[in-house]
Amino acid sequence: MTEQQARTAANILMAAAAAGTALTVLRTPRVRRLAWQLARSWARGPLALWAATELRKAWELSGRPG
């Protein structure tokens, strides 16, 4: 098996695992609620912090006065 074939096989397996997990989350109400709670918490915390940091970096790189 070449490296490219191994990468292709790994990509297919990862896609199948992701699809199976998504299907399980969507079909199970309790897990679906937990997933939404985690997504909301991530959006309020780390995602918001990362976005603010990136905006500040972009502003500083633009050369405009603060």
N, C-alpha and C. Protein backbone atom coordinates (compact mmCIF):
# COMPACT_ATOMS: atom_id res chain seq x y z
N MET A 1 0.85 -1.17 0.00
CA MET A 1 0.00 0.00 0.00
C MET A 1 0.90 1.24 0.00
N THR A 2 0.61 2.14 -0.91
CA THR A 2 1.39 3.38 -0.98
C THR A 2 0.88 4.37 0.07
N GLU A 3 1.65 5.42 0.27
CA GLU A 3 1.25 6.42 1.24
C GLU A 3 -0.05 7.09 0.82
N GLN A 4 -0.21 7.36 -0.46
CA GLN A 4 -1.44 8.00 -0.94
C GLN A 4 -2.65 7.09 -0.72
N GLN A 5 -2.50 5.80 -0.95
CA GLN A 5 -3.60 4.87 -0.71
C GLN A 5 -3.95 4.81 0.78
N ALA A 6 -2.93 4.85 1.63
CA ALA A 6 -3.15 4.83 3.07
C ALA A 6 -3.90 6.09 3.50
N ARG A 7 -3.52 7.23 2.95
CA ARG A 7 -4.21 8.48 3.28
C ARG A 7 -5.67 8.43 2.83
N THR A 8 -5.90 7.91 1.64
CA THR A 8 -7.26 7.81 1.12
C THR A 8 -8.10 6.89 2.01
N ALA A 9 -7.54 5.75 2.38
CA ALA A 9 -8.26 4.81 3.24
C ALA A 9 -8.56 5.45 4.60
N ALA A 10 -7.60 6.15 5.15
CA ALA A 10 -7.81 6.81 6.45
C ALA A 10 -8.88 7.88 6.34
N ASN A 11 -8.87 8.64 5.25
CA ASN A 11 -9.89 9.68 5.06
C ASN A 11 -11.29 9.07 4.96
N ILE A 12 -11.41 7.96 4.27
CA ILE A 12 -12.70 7.28 4.13
C ILE A 12 -13.18 6.78 5.49
N LEU A 13 -12.28 6.17 6.26
CA LEU A 13 -12.65 5.68 7.58
C LEU A 13 -13.05 6.82 8.52
N MET A 14 -12.33 7.92 8.47
CA MET A 14 -12.67 9.07 9.32
C MET A 14 -14.03 9.66 8.92
N ALA A 15 -14.30 9.74 7.63
CA ALA A 15 -15.59 10.26 7.18
C ALA A 15 -16.73 9.35 7.62
N ALA A 16 -16.53 8.04 7.53
CA ALA A 16 -17.55 7.09 7.96
C ALA A 16 -17.79 7.20 9.46
N ALA A 17 -16.73 7.34 10.24
CA ALA A 17 -16.87 7.48 11.69
C ALA A 17 -17.60 8.78 12.04
N ALA A 18 -17.26 9.86 11.36
CA ALA A 18 -17.93 11.15 11.61
C ALA A 18 -19.41 11.07 11.25
N ALA A 19 -19.72 10.43 10.13
CA ALA A 19 -21.12 10.30 9.71
C ALA A 19 -21.89 9.44 10.71
N GLY A 20 -21.30 8.37 11.18
CA GLY A 20 -21.96 7.52 12.16
C GLY A 20 -22.20 8.24 13.47
N THR A 21 -21.23 9.01 13.90
CA THR A 21 -21.38 9.78 15.13
C THR A 21 -22.46 10.84 14.98
N ALA A 22 -22.46 11.54 13.86
CA ALA A 22 -23.48 12.56 13.62
C ALA A 22 -24.87 11.94 13.61
N LEU A 23 -25.01 10.81 12.98
CA LEU A 23 -26.30 10.13 12.94
C LEU A 23 -26.76 9.73 14.34
N THR A 24 -25.84 9.22 15.15
CA THR A 24 -26.18 8.84 16.52
C THR A 24 -26.61 10.05 17.32
N VAL A 25 -25.88 11.16 17.19
CA VAL A 25 -26.22 12.38 17.92
C VAL A 25 -27.59 12.90 17.48
N LEU A 26 -27.86 12.89 16.20
CA LEU A 26 -29.12 13.42 15.71
C LEU A 26 -30.32 12.55 16.08
N ARG A 27 -30.11 11.24 16.23
CA ARG A 27 -31.23 10.34 16.50
C ARG A 27 -31.52 10.15 17.98
N THR A 28 -30.59 10.55 18.85
CA THR A 28 -30.77 10.35 20.29
C THR A 28 -31.03 11.70 20.95
N PRO A 29 -32.25 11.93 21.44
CA PRO A 29 -32.59 13.25 21.98
C PRO A 29 -31.68 13.70 23.13
N ARG A 30 -31.35 12.82 24.04
CA ARG A 30 -30.52 13.21 25.17
C ARG A 30 -29.12 13.64 24.71
N VAL A 31 -28.55 12.89 23.80
CA VAL A 31 -27.22 13.21 23.28
C VAL A 31 -27.28 14.47 22.43
N ARG A 32 -28.38 14.64 21.70
CA ARG A 32 -28.55 15.84 20.87
C ARG A 32 -28.59 17.09 21.76
N ARG A 33 -29.33 17.04 22.88
CA ARG A 33 -29.37 18.18 23.80
C ARG A 33 -28.00 18.47 24.38
N LEU A 34 -27.28 17.42 24.75
CA LEU A 34 -25.93 17.60 25.29
C LEU A 34 -25.01 18.24 24.25
N ALA A 35 -25.11 17.79 23.01
CA ALA A 35 -24.27 18.34 21.94
C ALA A 35 -24.57 19.83 21.75
N TRP A 36 -25.84 20.23 21.78
CA TRP A 36 -26.20 21.64 21.63
C TRP A 36 -25.69 22.46 22.80
N GLN A 37 -25.78 21.92 24.01
CA GLN A 37 -25.28 22.63 25.18
C GLN A 37 -23.78 22.85 25.08
N LEU A 38 -23.06 21.81 24.66
CA LEU A 38 -21.62 21.94 24.50
C LEU A 38 -21.26 22.94 23.40
N ALA A 39 -22.00 22.92 22.30
CA ALA A 39 -21.73 23.85 21.20
C ALA A 39 -21.97 25.29 21.64
N ARG A 40 -23.06 25.53 22.39
CA ARG A 40 -23.34 26.89 22.87
C ARG A 40 -22.26 27.35 23.84
N SER A 41 -21.85 26.47 24.72
CA SER A 41 -20.82 26.83 25.69
C SER A 41 -19.49 27.12 24.98
N TRP A 42 -19.16 26.35 23.95
CA TRP A 42 -17.92 26.58 23.20
C TRP A 42 -18.00 27.90 22.44
N ALA A 43 -19.18 28.21 21.89
CA ALA A 43 -19.34 29.46 21.14
C ALA A 43 -19.22 30.68 22.05
N ARG A 44 -19.68 30.56 23.29
CA ARG A 44 -19.59 31.68 24.23
C ARG A 44 -18.20 31.84 24.81
N GLY A 45 -17.44 30.77 24.90
CA GLY A 45 -16.14 30.82 25.56
C GLY A 45 -14.98 30.88 24.58
N PRO A 46 -14.40 29.73 24.26
CA PRO A 46 -13.19 29.70 23.44
C PRO A 46 -13.36 30.32 22.05
N LEU A 47 -14.48 30.10 21.41
CA LEU A 47 -14.68 30.66 20.07
C LEU A 47 -14.73 32.19 20.12
N ALA A 48 -15.44 32.73 21.09
CA ALA A 48 -15.52 34.19 21.22
C ALA A 48 -14.15 34.79 21.53
N LEU A 49 -13.40 34.15 22.40
CA LEU A 49 -12.07 34.63 22.74
C LEU A 49 -11.14 34.59 21.52
N TRP A 50 -11.19 33.50 20.77
CA TRP A 50 -10.36 33.38 19.57
C TRP A 50 -10.73 34.47 18.55
N ALA A 51 -12.03 34.69 18.34
CA ALA A 51 -12.47 35.70 17.37
C ALA A 51 -12.01 37.09 17.79
N ALA A 52 -12.13 37.40 19.07
CA ALA A 52 -11.69 38.72 19.56
C ALA A 52 -10.19 38.90 19.36
N THR A 53 -9.43 37.87 19.63
CA THR A 53 -7.97 37.93 19.45
C THR A 53 -7.62 38.14 17.99
N GLU A 54 -8.28 37.42 17.10
CA GLU A 54 -8.00 37.56 15.67
C GLU A 54 -8.39 38.95 15.17
N LEU A 55 -9.50 39.47 15.65
CA LEU A 55 -9.90 40.83 15.24
C LEU A 55 -8.87 41.87 15.70
N ARG A 56 -8.38 41.72 16.93
CA ARG A 56 -7.38 42.65 17.44
C ARG A 56 -6.10 42.56 16.61
N LYS A 57 -5.67 41.35 16.28
CA LYS A 57 -4.46 41.18 15.45
C LYS A 57 -4.65 41.83 14.09
N ALA A 58 -5.80 41.60 13.48
CA ALA A 58 -6.07 42.17 12.16
C ALA A 58 -6.07 43.70 12.22
N TRP A 59 -6.66 44.25 13.29
CA TRP A 59 -6.69 45.70 13.44
C TRP A 59 -5.27 46.25 13.58
N GLU A 60 -4.46 45.59 14.39
CA GLU A 60 -3.08 46.05 14.58
C GLU A 60 -2.28 45.94 13.30
N LEU A 61 -2.47 44.87 12.52
CA LEU A 61 -1.74 44.70 11.27
C LEU A 61 -2.20 45.66 10.20
N SER A 62 -3.42 46.21 10.33
CA SER A 62 -3.91 47.14 9.32
C SER A 62 -3.21 48.49 9.42
N GLY A 63 -2.59 48.76 10.57
CA GLY A 63 -1.85 50.01 10.73
C GLY A 63 -2.70 51.20 11.12
N ARG A 64 -3.97 50.97 11.39
CA ARG A 64 -4.84 52.07 11.80
C ARG A 64 -4.66 52.35 13.27
N PRO A 65 -4.80 53.60 13.66
CA PRO A 65 -4.64 53.92 15.09
C PRO A 65 -5.80 53.36 15.91
N GLY A 66 -5.50 52.93 17.12
CA GLY A 66 -6.51 52.35 18.00
C GLY A 66 -7.29 53.40 18.68
